[in-house]
Amino acid sequence: MKYKFQTSLLLAILFLSACKKEFLETKPTTSVDAGSAITTVENAKASLNGIHRSMFMRYFDQGTFGQATVMLNADVLGEDYVFSGQSNGWFLTAYRWIDHRNVNGGTSFPYTFYYRIISNANIIINGIDKTEGLPADKNNILGQALAYRAWSYFNLVQLYGKRFVKGAANDGLGVPLVLTNSTEPQARATVAEVYAQVNKDLNAAANVLSNTRPDKSNLNLSVVLGLQARVALTQQDWATAATKAAAARAGYTLMSTAAQFADGSASWTNSEWMWGSSQIDDQTEYFTAFLAYISYNFNSTNIRTNPKLISRSLYNTMAANDLRRALWVVTPTATNSVVPPGGTRVAYMNQKFKAKSDANSVGDIPYMRAAEMFLIEAEALARNNNESGSKTVFTTFMKTRVPTYTTSTNTGDAYITEIMNSRRVELWGEGFRFFDLKRLNLALDRTGSNHNSALAVVTSVPANDNLWQWLIPQAEINANPLIKQND
């Protein structure tokens, strides 16, 4: 992918502090300038809605469509997401482990995307006290802005910093902590400092948010608890991860029938969905959209000639009656699988993600589901020497996926592998695998499955290799004399 990184971090802050429609809009025809974004609660809400909208809007080139771009990159870099063909080349160099080490290309978009969200969140966080309105409304807006800032820094430090290691100093370089939209150059904070700020913001958000919200594009208390669970899991704080995950999933119901898996996986009306975006027709980005690359039915070149597959070896870890098997087709035919007009059918092809139609790429994009929280809790308890408690949670979860499932007889590492395999199946395509490999210090291993080595090129990457760090974009290096590049 060739991104047009048009601004450094510092210029991005100036850019977003000025009137800019697409980053501060609630509807396609409405915008709020930064000077008036926080004068009233209604304006502050409009600014927050602009952040919600920025999660899936088009930015630069065709492959830059908000959070889902990062999600695709995270799975493309793993071993569970398989390309069936070269197609038109989009995300192919990411698949080959090139993009995230290209300082003038693929490494740029996440940096720009997250710092733009941070910039808009900062406007709200630093000015909400002066806003006219009811305290409850102001707290809701503040809490969501804090959560967005924390979530953005959490993603940035995982991409551009070294992995967090519990008990270590974690004094390697993370990313700059921009908390006031200052245009002064800033050096990279340490990994430890970034995580400290992430946790501080999430704690503050949890203190002011409730679970009341208009729809699932808004962040509420359950989403913040889910983010705290993710962060704790990454920091190997197993006790906190388990506790937060259990609290986060309260009130959500897991899918448990074949009909739900056949259709509900692609809809934010699904009772499992905790946070996501739901695009409507006038928000279409056509070929610049998540579902233009990963859905099974949208009529794009990338999908027609490169249907996305699940790793054969991962698929085979599922029980024969696992309801999730319906999300992929081992031997696809015209009667058991859907493809766009003229689309090819390839073994193990995805039927998980659905666009509105073959001519319309809008649809729903998942950012957090209750299933993830069950799996976080089960993993954290197991790693914290509470295998019995873990099996209670994991059995409850697995019975909704495998109706005949009985409590696992595996123990130790074998049991943890069972949890992780289920996590890999469950979260396929939702943007977790690169982060999981990195946090667990695991090597990439694509061998022994259905990856085409000529297409993938890279079949293995050692754990803790420098390649696990994304390079800082060259535009930021050029603009900020205090920035140091990764190795």
Protein backbone atom coordinates (compact mmCIF):
# COMPACT_ATOMS: atom_id res chain seq x y z
CA MET A 1 0.00 0.00 0.00
CA LYS A 2 1.19 3.51 -0.77
CA TYR A 3 -0.11 6.00 1.73
CA LYS A 4 0.14 9.73 1.14
CA PHE A 5 1.36 10.87 4.53
CA GLN A 6 0.64 14.55 4.01
CA THR A 7 1.53 15.91 7.43
CA SER A 8 3.73 15.24 10.42
CA LEU A 9 2.31 14.87 13.91
CA LEU A 10 2.95 18.54 14.59
CA LEU A 11 1.29 19.70 11.40
CA ALA A 12 -1.57 17.30 11.98
CA ILE A 13 -2.26 19.01 15.28
CA LEU A 14 -2.35 22.42 13.63
CA PHE A 15 -4.47 21.00 10.85
CA LEU A 16 -7.05 19.63 13.25
CA SER A 17 -7.08 22.68 15.46
CA ALA A 18 -8.39 24.59 12.48
CA CYS A 19 -11.83 24.18 10.92
CA LYS A 20 -11.78 20.82 9.14
CA LYS A 21 -15.07 19.30 8.07
CA GLU A 22 -14.30 15.63 7.79
CA PHE A 23 -12.79 15.31 11.27
CA LEU A 24 -15.43 17.26 13.19
CA GLU A 25 -18.66 16.25 11.54
CA THR A 26 -21.81 14.62 12.81
CA LYS A 27 -23.48 14.36 9.40
CA PRO A 28 -21.88 14.68 5.95
CA THR A 29 -23.08 18.29 5.67
CA THR A 30 -22.34 19.46 9.23
CA SER A 31 -19.07 20.57 10.83
CA VAL A 32 -17.87 22.37 13.95
CA ASP A 33 -14.67 24.40 14.08
CA ALA A 34 -12.24 23.87 16.92
CA GLY A 35 -12.84 27.34 18.35
CA SER A 36 -16.49 26.63 19.05
CA ALA A 37 -16.30 22.85 19.51
CA ILE A 38 -16.68 23.03 23.28
CA THR A 39 -18.69 26.20 23.91
CA THR A 40 -21.92 24.23 24.32
CA VAL A 41 -22.80 20.64 25.02
CA GLU A 42 -24.38 20.33 21.58
CA ASN A 43 -21.19 21.49 19.88
CA ALA A 44 -19.12 19.17 22.06
CA LYS A 45 -21.41 16.29 21.10
CA ALA A 46 -20.97 17.18 17.44
CA SER A 47 -17.20 17.12 17.89
CA LEU A 48 -17.42 13.72 19.60
CA ASN A 49 -19.62 12.46 16.76
CA GLY A 50 -16.88 13.56 14.40
CA ILE A 51 -14.50 11.18 16.17
CA HIS A 52 -17.08 8.40 15.87
CA ARG A 53 -17.34 9.11 12.14
CA SER A 54 -13.55 9.21 11.75
CA MET A 55 -13.40 5.57 12.77
CA PHE A 56 -14.49 4.43 9.29
CA MET A 57 -14.15 7.37 6.89
CA ARG A 58 -11.71 7.59 3.99
CA TYR A 59 -8.48 9.46 4.63
CA PHE A 60 -5.94 9.33 1.82
CA ASP A 61 -5.48 6.53 -0.68
CA GLN A 62 -7.95 3.74 -1.27
CA GLY A 63 -6.63 1.58 1.57
CA THR A 64 -6.95 4.17 4.36
CA PHE A 65 -10.34 3.84 6.03
CA GLY A 66 -9.92 4.41 9.73
CA GLN A 67 -9.62 1.77 12.41
CA ALA A 68 -10.47 -1.08 10.07
CA THR A 69 -7.27 -0.36 8.11
CA VAL A 70 -5.28 -1.11 11.27
CA MET A 71 -7.45 -4.17 11.92
CA LEU A 72 -6.71 -5.56 8.47
CA ASN A 73 -3.00 -4.88 8.83
CA ALA A 74 -2.93 -6.61 12.22
CA ASP A 75 -4.47 -9.78 10.80
CA VAL A 76 -2.63 -9.66 7.46
CA LEU A 77 0.63 -9.67 9.45
CA GLY A 78 -0.39 -12.84 11.25
CA GLU A 79 -0.63 -16.48 10.24
CA ASP A 80 -4.39 -17.03 10.45
CA TYR A 81 -5.48 -14.71 7.63
CA VAL A 82 -4.62 -16.11 4.21
CA PHE A 83 -4.50 -14.46 0.78
CA SER A 84 -5.79 -16.68 -2.00
CA GLY A 85 -4.43 -14.51 -4.81
CA GLN A 86 -2.46 -11.40 -5.64
CA SER A 87 -5.51 -9.55 -6.94
CA ASN A 88 -4.96 -5.79 -7.37
CA GLY A 89 -2.15 -5.73 -4.81
CA TRP A 90 -3.87 -3.93 -1.95
CA PHE A 91 -2.45 -5.06 1.42
CA LEU A 92 -0.15 -7.49 -0.38
CA THR A 93 3.04 -5.74 0.76
CA ALA A 94 1.61 -5.65 4.29
CA TYR A 95 1.08 -9.42 4.00
CA ARG A 96 4.76 -9.67 3.02
CA TRP A 97 5.92 -7.69 6.08
CA ILE A 98 7.09 -4.72 4.02
CA ASP A 99 4.58 -1.92 4.59
CA HIS A 100 5.06 -1.41 8.31
CA ARG A 101 8.80 -0.98 7.75
CA ASN A 102 8.38 1.52 4.91
CA VAL A 103 8.92 4.98 6.39
CA ASN A 104 7.35 6.64 3.36
CA GLY A 105 4.46 4.24 2.99
CA GLY A 106 2.41 1.85 5.09
CA THR A 107 3.81 2.84 8.46
CA SER A 108 2.34 6.33 8.12
CA PHE A 109 -1.40 5.84 8.28
CA PRO A 110 -1.85 4.48 11.84
CA TYR A 111 0.40 7.25 13.16
CA THR A 112 -1.67 9.90 11.43
CA PHE A 113 -5.01 8.31 12.24
CA TYR A 114 -4.49 7.87 15.97
CA TYR A 115 -2.86 11.25 16.52
CA ARG A 116 -5.76 12.93 14.77
CA ILE A 117 -8.19 11.24 17.14
CA ILE A 118 -5.93 12.28 20.04
CA SER A 119 -5.92 15.88 18.81
CA ASN A 120 -9.69 16.06 18.66
CA ALA A 121 -10.01 14.29 22.01
CA ASN A 122 -7.58 16.79 23.54
CA ILE A 123 -9.78 19.70 22.45
CA ILE A 124 -12.66 18.18 24.40
CA ILE A 125 -10.64 17.01 27.42
CA ASN A 126 -8.90 20.34 27.93
CA GLY A 127 -11.96 22.51 27.38
CA ILE A 128 -15.01 20.65 28.62
CA ASP A 129 -14.94 22.44 31.99
CA LYS A 130 -15.86 25.68 30.20
CA THR A 131 -18.71 24.10 28.27
CA GLU A 132 -22.25 25.21 29.02
CA GLY A 133 -24.49 22.26 29.83
CA LEU A 134 -25.60 19.68 32.35
CA PRO A 135 -22.82 17.95 34.33
CA ALA A 136 -24.05 14.50 33.28
CA ASP A 137 -23.81 15.41 29.60
CA LYS A 138 -20.37 16.92 30.06
CA ASN A 139 -19.14 13.85 31.94
CA ASN A 140 -20.36 11.57 29.18
CA ILE A 141 -18.53 13.58 26.53
CA LEU A 142 -15.38 13.86 28.66
CA GLY A 143 -15.38 10.14 29.46
CA GLN A 144 -15.61 9.15 25.81
CA ALA A 145 -12.85 11.59 24.82
CA LEU A 146 -10.58 10.19 27.55
CA ALA A 147 -11.32 6.64 26.41
CA TYR A 148 -10.57 7.50 22.78
CA ARG A 149 -7.25 9.08 23.77
CA ALA A 150 -6.29 6.10 25.90
CA TRP A 151 -7.30 3.62 23.20
CA SER A 152 -5.30 5.55 20.57
CA TYR A 153 -2.14 5.62 22.68
CA PHE A 154 -2.58 1.94 23.52
CA ASN A 155 -2.64 1.07 19.83
CA LEU A 156 0.24 3.41 19.00
CA VAL A 157 2.58 2.04 21.65
CA GLN A 158 1.83 -1.55 20.63
CA LEU A 159 2.69 -0.73 17.02
CA TYR A 160 5.67 1.58 17.35
CA GLY A 161 7.11 0.55 20.74
CA LYS A 162 8.59 -2.67 22.05
CA ARG A 163 6.32 -5.14 23.80
CA PHE A 164 5.51 -4.47 27.44
CA VAL A 165 7.24 -6.92 29.80
CA LYS A 166 5.84 -7.24 33.31
CA GLY A 167 8.50 -6.59 35.96
CA ALA A 168 10.90 -4.94 33.50
CA ALA A 169 11.68 -1.23 33.30
CA ASN A 170 9.95 -0.91 29.91
CA ASP A 171 12.10 2.14 29.33
CA GLY A 172 12.38 1.67 25.58
CA LEU A 173 10.94 4.31 23.31
CA GLY A 174 7.18 4.42 22.88
CA VAL A 175 5.50 7.39 21.21
CA PRO A 176 5.20 11.12 22.03
CA LEU A 177 2.56 11.87 24.66
CA VAL A 178 0.70 14.87 23.28
CA LEU A 179 -1.88 15.85 25.88
CA THR A 180 -2.45 19.55 25.14
CA ASN A 181 -2.08 19.84 21.35
CA SER A 182 1.14 21.78 21.76
CA THR A 183 3.00 22.45 18.54
CA GLU A 184 6.35 22.17 20.32
CA PRO A 185 8.42 19.15 19.25
CA GLN A 186 8.21 16.28 21.70
CA ALA A 187 10.46 13.31 22.19
CA ARG A 188 9.09 9.79 22.41
CA ALA A 189 7.92 8.86 25.89
CA THR A 190 8.98 5.48 27.22
CA VAL A 191 6.75 2.44 26.83
CA ALA A 192 6.14 2.53 30.60
CA GLU A 193 5.12 6.19 30.50
CA VAL A 194 2.67 5.62 27.65
CA TYR A 195 1.01 2.72 29.46
CA ALA A 196 0.80 4.81 32.63
CA GLN A 197 -1.05 7.53 30.72
CA VAL A 198 -3.34 4.97 29.05
CA ASN A 199 -4.33 3.56 32.43
CA LYS A 200 -4.75 7.03 33.92
CA ASP A 201 -7.12 8.08 31.14
CA LEU A 202 -9.12 4.84 31.29
CA ASN A 203 -9.50 5.13 35.06
CA ALA A 204 -10.71 8.70 34.67
CA ALA A 205 -13.13 7.67 31.93
CA ALA A 206 -14.53 4.84 34.06
CA ASN A 207 -15.19 7.30 36.88
CA VAL A 208 -17.51 9.49 34.78
CA LEU A 209 -19.17 7.11 32.30
CA SER A 210 -22.30 5.01 32.70
CA ASN A 211 -23.68 2.31 30.43
CA THR A 212 -26.30 4.64 28.94
CA ARG A 213 -25.67 5.57 25.31
CA PRO A 214 -27.62 6.20 22.08
CA ASP A 215 -25.95 3.41 20.09
CA LYS A 216 -22.92 1.15 19.93
CA SER A 217 -20.72 3.68 18.15
CA ASN A 218 -20.54 5.51 21.49
CA LEU A 219 -18.14 4.34 24.17
CA ASN A 220 -19.75 3.56 27.53
CA LEU A 221 -18.59 2.10 30.83
CA SER A 222 -18.66 -1.49 29.55
CA VAL A 223 -16.42 -0.56 26.62
CA VAL A 224 -13.97 1.21 28.94
CA LEU A 225 -13.89 -1.86 31.19
CA GLY A 226 -13.20 -3.92 28.07
CA LEU A 227 -10.34 -1.61 27.12
CA GLN A 228 -8.94 -1.92 30.63
CA ALA A 229 -9.08 -5.69 30.25
CA ARG A 230 -7.17 -5.51 26.96
CA VAL A 231 -4.51 -3.24 28.42
CA ALA A 232 -4.09 -5.39 31.54
CA LEU A 233 -3.79 -8.51 29.38
CA THR A 234 -1.05 -6.85 27.33
CA GLN A 235 0.75 -5.82 30.53
CA GLN A 236 0.46 -9.40 31.87
CA ASP A 237 -1.60 -8.10 34.80
CA TRP A 238 -3.69 -11.25 34.81
CA ALA A 239 -5.81 -10.54 37.88
CA THR A 240 -6.93 -7.13 36.61
CA ALA A 241 -7.52 -8.46 33.10
CA ALA A 242 -9.85 -11.18 34.40
CA THR A 243 -11.75 -8.86 36.72
CA LYS A 244 -12.26 -6.12 34.13
CA ALA A 245 -13.26 -8.57 31.40
CA ALA A 246 -15.90 -10.16 33.64
CA ALA A 247 -17.33 -6.75 34.49
CA ALA A 248 -17.23 -5.59 30.87
CA ARG A 249 -19.28 -8.48 29.50
CA ALA A 250 -22.05 -8.20 32.10
CA GLY A 251 -25.39 -7.74 30.39
CA TYR A 252 -24.32 -9.06 26.99
CA THR A 253 -25.56 -12.37 25.58
CA LEU A 254 -23.41 -14.66 23.47
CA MET A 255 -24.52 -16.07 20.14
CA SER A 256 -25.47 -19.72 20.51
CA THR A 257 -27.36 -20.89 17.41
CA ALA A 258 -26.41 -21.69 13.85
CA ALA A 259 -28.77 -18.98 12.57
CA GLN A 260 -27.04 -16.35 14.69
CA PHE A 261 -23.62 -17.33 13.40
CA ALA A 262 -24.85 -17.44 9.81
CA ASP A 263 -25.99 -13.83 9.84
CA GLY A 264 -25.44 -12.16 13.19
CA SER A 265 -21.66 -12.10 13.00
CA ALA A 266 -21.93 -9.24 10.54
CA SER A 267 -24.44 -7.06 12.37
CA TRP A 268 -24.04 -4.68 15.28
CA THR A 269 -27.56 -5.58 16.41
CA ASN A 270 -25.95 -8.82 17.55
CA SER A 271 -26.26 -9.10 21.33
CA GLU A 272 -22.51 -9.78 21.60
CA TRP A 273 -21.41 -6.51 20.06
CA MET A 274 -20.18 -4.01 22.64
CA TRP A 275 -18.67 -1.37 20.35
CA GLY A 276 -18.72 -0.91 16.60
CA SER A 277 -19.62 1.28 13.65
CA SER A 278 -22.68 0.94 11.48
CA GLN A 279 -22.38 2.67 8.12
CA ILE A 280 -25.43 3.91 6.28
CA ASP A 281 -25.80 4.43 2.56
CA ASP A 282 -24.79 8.10 2.49
CA GLN A 283 -21.60 7.22 4.39
CA THR A 284 -20.35 4.79 1.78
CA GLU A 285 -16.68 4.95 0.88
CA TYR A 286 -17.18 2.59 -2.09
CA PHE A 287 -13.88 0.75 -2.63
CA THR A 288 -12.24 2.50 0.32
CA ALA A 289 -13.96 0.51 3.02
CA PHE A 290 -13.27 -2.42 5.33
CA LEU A 291 -15.92 -4.56 3.66
CA ALA A 292 -14.51 -3.84 0.20
CA TYR A 293 -11.51 -5.98 1.24
CA ILE A 294 -12.78 -8.57 3.68
CA SER A 295 -16.47 -9.21 2.98
CA TYR A 296 -17.51 -12.24 0.98
CA ASN A 297 -20.08 -10.49 -1.21
CA PHE A 298 -19.01 -6.98 -2.27
CA ASN A 299 -18.10 -6.78 -5.93
CA SER A 300 -14.55 -5.44 -5.76
CA THR A 301 -11.56 -6.76 -7.66
CA ASN A 302 -9.85 -7.52 -4.38
CA ILE A 303 -12.65 -9.80 -3.23
CA ARG A 304 -13.51 -11.36 -6.60
CA THR A 305 -9.99 -12.59 -7.26
CA ASN A 306 -8.64 -12.78 -3.72
CA PRO A 307 -11.27 -14.17 -1.36
CA LYS A 308 -9.80 -14.21 2.13
CA LEU A 309 -9.23 -17.56 3.78
CA ILE A 310 -8.74 -18.92 7.25
CA SER A 311 -5.56 -20.87 7.89
CA ARG A 312 -6.25 -24.54 7.26
CA SER A 313 -4.34 -25.60 10.36
CA LEU A 314 -6.34 -23.20 12.53
CA TYR A 315 -9.65 -24.29 11.00
CA ASN A 316 -8.80 -27.89 11.86
CA THR A 317 -8.51 -27.03 15.56
CA MET A 318 -12.30 -26.60 15.66
CA ALA A 319 -14.54 -29.49 16.64
CA ALA A 320 -16.63 -30.96 13.85
CA ASN A 321 -19.79 -29.43 15.31
CA ASP A 322 -18.31 -26.02 16.17
CA LEU A 323 -20.90 -23.49 14.99
CA ARG A 324 -18.11 -21.16 13.90
CA ARG A 325 -17.21 -23.52 11.07
CA ALA A 326 -20.13 -21.97 9.17
CA LEU A 327 -18.07 -18.77 8.85
CA TRP A 328 -15.70 -20.47 6.41
CA VAL A 329 -16.32 -23.01 3.64
CA VAL A 330 -13.80 -25.80 3.10
CA THR A 331 -15.19 -26.94 -0.24
CA PRO A 332 -17.15 -23.99 -1.61
CA THR A 333 -19.80 -24.43 -4.28
CA ALA A 334 -22.55 -22.25 -5.70
CA THR A 335 -24.99 -23.77 -3.23
CA ASN A 336 -23.00 -23.47 0.00
CA SER A 337 -21.17 -20.16 -0.43
CA VAL A 338 -21.73 -16.61 -1.62
CA VAL A 339 -19.33 -14.68 -3.84
CA PRO A 340 -19.72 -11.44 -5.81
CA PRO A 341 -20.61 -11.69 -9.51
CA GLY A 342 -17.71 -13.39 -11.27
CA GLY A 343 -15.98 -14.16 -7.99
CA THR A 344 -13.77 -17.19 -7.52
CA ARG A 345 -14.28 -19.82 -4.86
CA VAL A 346 -11.28 -21.09 -2.92
CA ALA A 347 -11.08 -23.68 -0.14
CA TYR A 348 -11.46 -22.28 3.39
CA MET A 349 -12.95 -19.03 2.10
CA ASN A 350 -14.49 -16.50 4.46
CA GLN A 351 -18.25 -16.09 4.87
CA LYS A 352 -17.96 -14.08 8.09
CA PHE A 353 -18.11 -10.45 6.97
CA LYS A 354 -21.02 -9.20 4.89
CA ALA A 355 -21.44 -5.93 3.00
CA LYS A 356 -24.91 -4.56 2.37
CA SER A 357 -24.85 -5.87 -1.21
CA ASP A 358 -22.49 -6.66 -4.05
CA ALA A 359 -22.87 -3.02 -5.16
CA ASN A 360 -22.69 -1.33 -1.74
CA SER A 361 -19.74 -1.72 0.64
CA VAL A 362 -21.39 -0.19 3.69
CA GLY A 363 -21.99 -2.40 6.69
CA ASP A 364 -21.11 -2.93 10.32
CA ILE A 365 -17.57 -3.01 11.71
CA PRO A 366 -16.81 -4.71 15.06
CA TYR A 367 -14.39 -3.14 17.53
CA MET A 368 -15.30 -5.10 20.65
CA ARG A 369 -17.49 -8.13 21.39
CA ALA A 370 -18.44 -9.93 24.59
CA ALA A 371 -16.86 -13.10 23.21
CA GLU A 372 -13.46 -11.42 23.48
CA MET A 373 -14.12 -10.64 27.14
CA PHE A 374 -14.88 -14.30 27.94
CA LEU A 375 -11.66 -15.29 26.23
CA ILE A 376 -9.61 -12.62 28.01
CA GLU A 377 -10.99 -13.75 31.34
CA ALA A 378 -10.32 -17.42 30.61
CA GLU A 379 -6.77 -16.74 29.42
CA ALA A 380 -5.92 -14.42 32.29
CA LEU A 381 -7.22 -16.81 34.94
CA ALA A 382 -5.31 -19.72 33.39
CA ARG A 383 -2.07 -17.74 33.24
CA ASN A 384 -2.65 -16.62 36.85
CA ASN A 385 -2.67 -20.23 38.11
CA ASN A 386 -6.45 -20.39 38.47
CA GLU A 387 -7.15 -23.14 35.97
CA SER A 388 -10.34 -24.21 37.72
CA GLY A 389 -11.84 -20.72 37.53
CA SER A 390 -10.67 -20.40 33.96
CA LYS A 391 -12.36 -23.64 32.94
CA THR A 392 -15.66 -22.47 34.41
CA VAL A 393 -15.56 -19.36 32.21
CA PHE A 394 -14.20 -21.12 29.14
CA THR A 395 -16.74 -23.93 29.35
CA THR A 396 -19.59 -21.40 29.53
CA PHE A 397 -18.21 -19.72 26.42
CA MET A 398 -17.45 -22.88 24.45
CA LYS A 399 -20.91 -24.38 25.01
CA THR A 400 -22.27 -21.51 22.90
CA ARG A 401 -19.86 -22.45 20.11
CA VAL A 402 -19.83 -26.25 20.47
CA PRO A 403 -23.16 -27.43 21.93
CA THR A 404 -21.68 -30.74 23.09
CA TYR A 405 -18.58 -29.19 24.66
CA THR A 406 -17.57 -30.54 28.04
CA THR A 407 -15.01 -29.08 30.40
CA SER A 408 -11.52 -29.50 29.00
CA THR A 409 -9.30 -32.27 30.30
CA ASN A 410 -6.23 -30.41 29.09
CA THR A 411 -3.98 -28.81 31.68
CA GLY A 412 -1.09 -26.37 31.72
CA ASP A 413 0.26 -25.21 28.39
CA ALA A 414 -2.03 -27.55 26.46
CA TYR A 415 -5.08 -25.96 28.05
CA ILE A 416 -3.82 -22.43 27.37
CA THR A 417 -3.23 -23.44 23.74
CA GLU A 418 -6.85 -24.57 23.57
CA ILE A 419 -8.00 -21.15 24.78
CA MET A 420 -5.71 -19.32 22.37
CA ASN A 421 -6.82 -21.42 19.38
CA SER A 422 -10.42 -20.57 20.19
CA ARG A 423 -9.47 -16.90 20.48
CA ARG A 424 -7.78 -17.02 17.08
CA VAL A 425 -10.85 -18.59 15.48
CA GLU A 426 -13.27 -16.26 17.24
CA LEU A 427 -11.48 -13.00 16.44
CA TRP A 428 -10.36 -13.85 12.90
CA GLY A 429 -10.45 -10.71 10.77
CA GLU A 430 -11.14 -8.40 13.72
CA GLY A 431 -7.58 -7.15 14.07
CA PHE A 432 -5.95 -9.01 16.97
CA ARG A 433 -3.39 -11.52 15.74
CA PHE A 434 -0.32 -9.28 15.29
CA PHE A 435 -0.91 -7.78 18.73
CA ASP A 436 -1.36 -11.21 20.32
CA LEU A 437 1.84 -12.58 18.80
CA LYS A 438 3.75 -9.52 19.94
CA ARG A 439 2.40 -9.38 23.50
CA LEU A 440 3.10 -13.08 23.99
CA ASN A 441 6.55 -12.84 22.37
CA LEU A 442 5.71 -15.53 19.83
CA ALA A 443 7.27 -16.05 16.43
CA LEU A 444 5.30 -15.79 13.20
CA ASP A 445 4.97 -19.24 11.63
CA ARG A 446 2.94 -19.62 8.44
CA THR A 447 4.38 -22.99 7.49
CA GLY A 448 2.35 -26.17 7.33
CA SER A 449 -0.86 -24.48 6.30
CA ASN A 450 -2.48 -23.07 3.14
CA HIS A 451 -0.33 -19.97 2.71
CA ASN A 452 1.22 -19.75 -0.74
CA SER A 453 4.87 -19.03 0.01
CA ALA A 454 5.36 -17.35 -3.36
CA LEU A 455 2.52 -14.98 -2.51
CA ALA A 456 3.22 -14.45 1.18
CA VAL A 457 7.03 -14.44 0.72
CA VAL A 458 7.57 -14.14 4.49
CA THR A 459 6.68 -17.39 6.22
CA SER A 460 8.39 -16.86 9.56
CA VAL A 461 9.64 -14.03 11.79
CA PRO A 462 11.47 -14.76 15.07
CA ALA A 463 9.97 -13.56 18.34
CA ASN A 464 11.34 -10.23 19.58
CA ASP A 465 12.84 -9.38 16.20
CA ASN A 466 13.07 -5.68 15.35
CA LEU A 467 10.49 -6.34 12.63
CA TRP A 468 7.80 -6.44 15.32
CA GLN A 469 8.16 -2.65 15.69
CA TRP A 470 6.62 -0.40 13.08
CA LEU A 471 8.98 2.34 11.91
CA ILE A 472 8.21 5.97 12.71
CA PRO A 473 7.06 7.75 9.50
CA GLN A 474 9.81 9.70 7.78
CA ALA A 475 7.64 12.84 7.65
CA GLU A 476 7.56 12.86 11.45
CA ILE A 477 11.31 12.30 11.64
CA ASN A 478 11.85 15.23 9.25
CA ALA A 479 9.51 17.58 11.12
CA ASN A 480 10.41 16.71 14.70
CA PRO A 481 14.10 16.89 15.62
CA LEU A 482 13.47 15.12 18.94
CA ILE A 483 12.14 11.94 17.39
CA LYS A 484 14.41 8.90 17.23
CA GLN A 485 13.73 6.11 14.73
CA ASN A 486 13.29 2.44 15.63
CA ASP A 487 15.99 0.00 14.54
